[in-house]
């Protein structure tokens, strides 16, 4: 199994198979970040796809280190772009139809409780918890991705995790 840096170098030289290997290796992490940051699954899928398209175009700028952190940083930036775009496009459609929730697609109740609890965190805490705890980035990698100071990332993670524990314990989940 080739290391990420070798695959990235091959991808940068135009070898699609190398980039496909990177996508297969890291798509779970990228989709996880996107799903936990976005408001809806469809938006998360769009963010993940945009992250991989951006990564394909910019693979030559990858200089080593954790490829996972690099691609998750791209996903985070795609989330921010989608968020900015969403702010300018928000309109209420009174003619919209309500679509029933598809219970066959429901995940385990504990996962739904965690997803719901994550949505209650202040945005900066949620971002840091998703990047560090859910995606496994180091505090330093998350600080680089978000542009927050290292101490701020650590603080957001600690406060966010404490709030999640408290909320999930109150719901008898944790």
Foldseek 3Di string as FASTA:
>chain_A
DDDLLVLLVVLVVPDVVSLVVVCVVQVVLQLLLLVLQDPDSVRSVVLSVVLSVVCSVCSVVDDDDDVNLVSNLSSVVSSVVVVVVCVVPDDDDPPDDDDDDDCVPDDPPLVVLLSVLLVPQPNLLSNLLSVCPVNPDDLVSSCVSVVPDSVVSVVSPVVSVVSSVVVCVVVVND
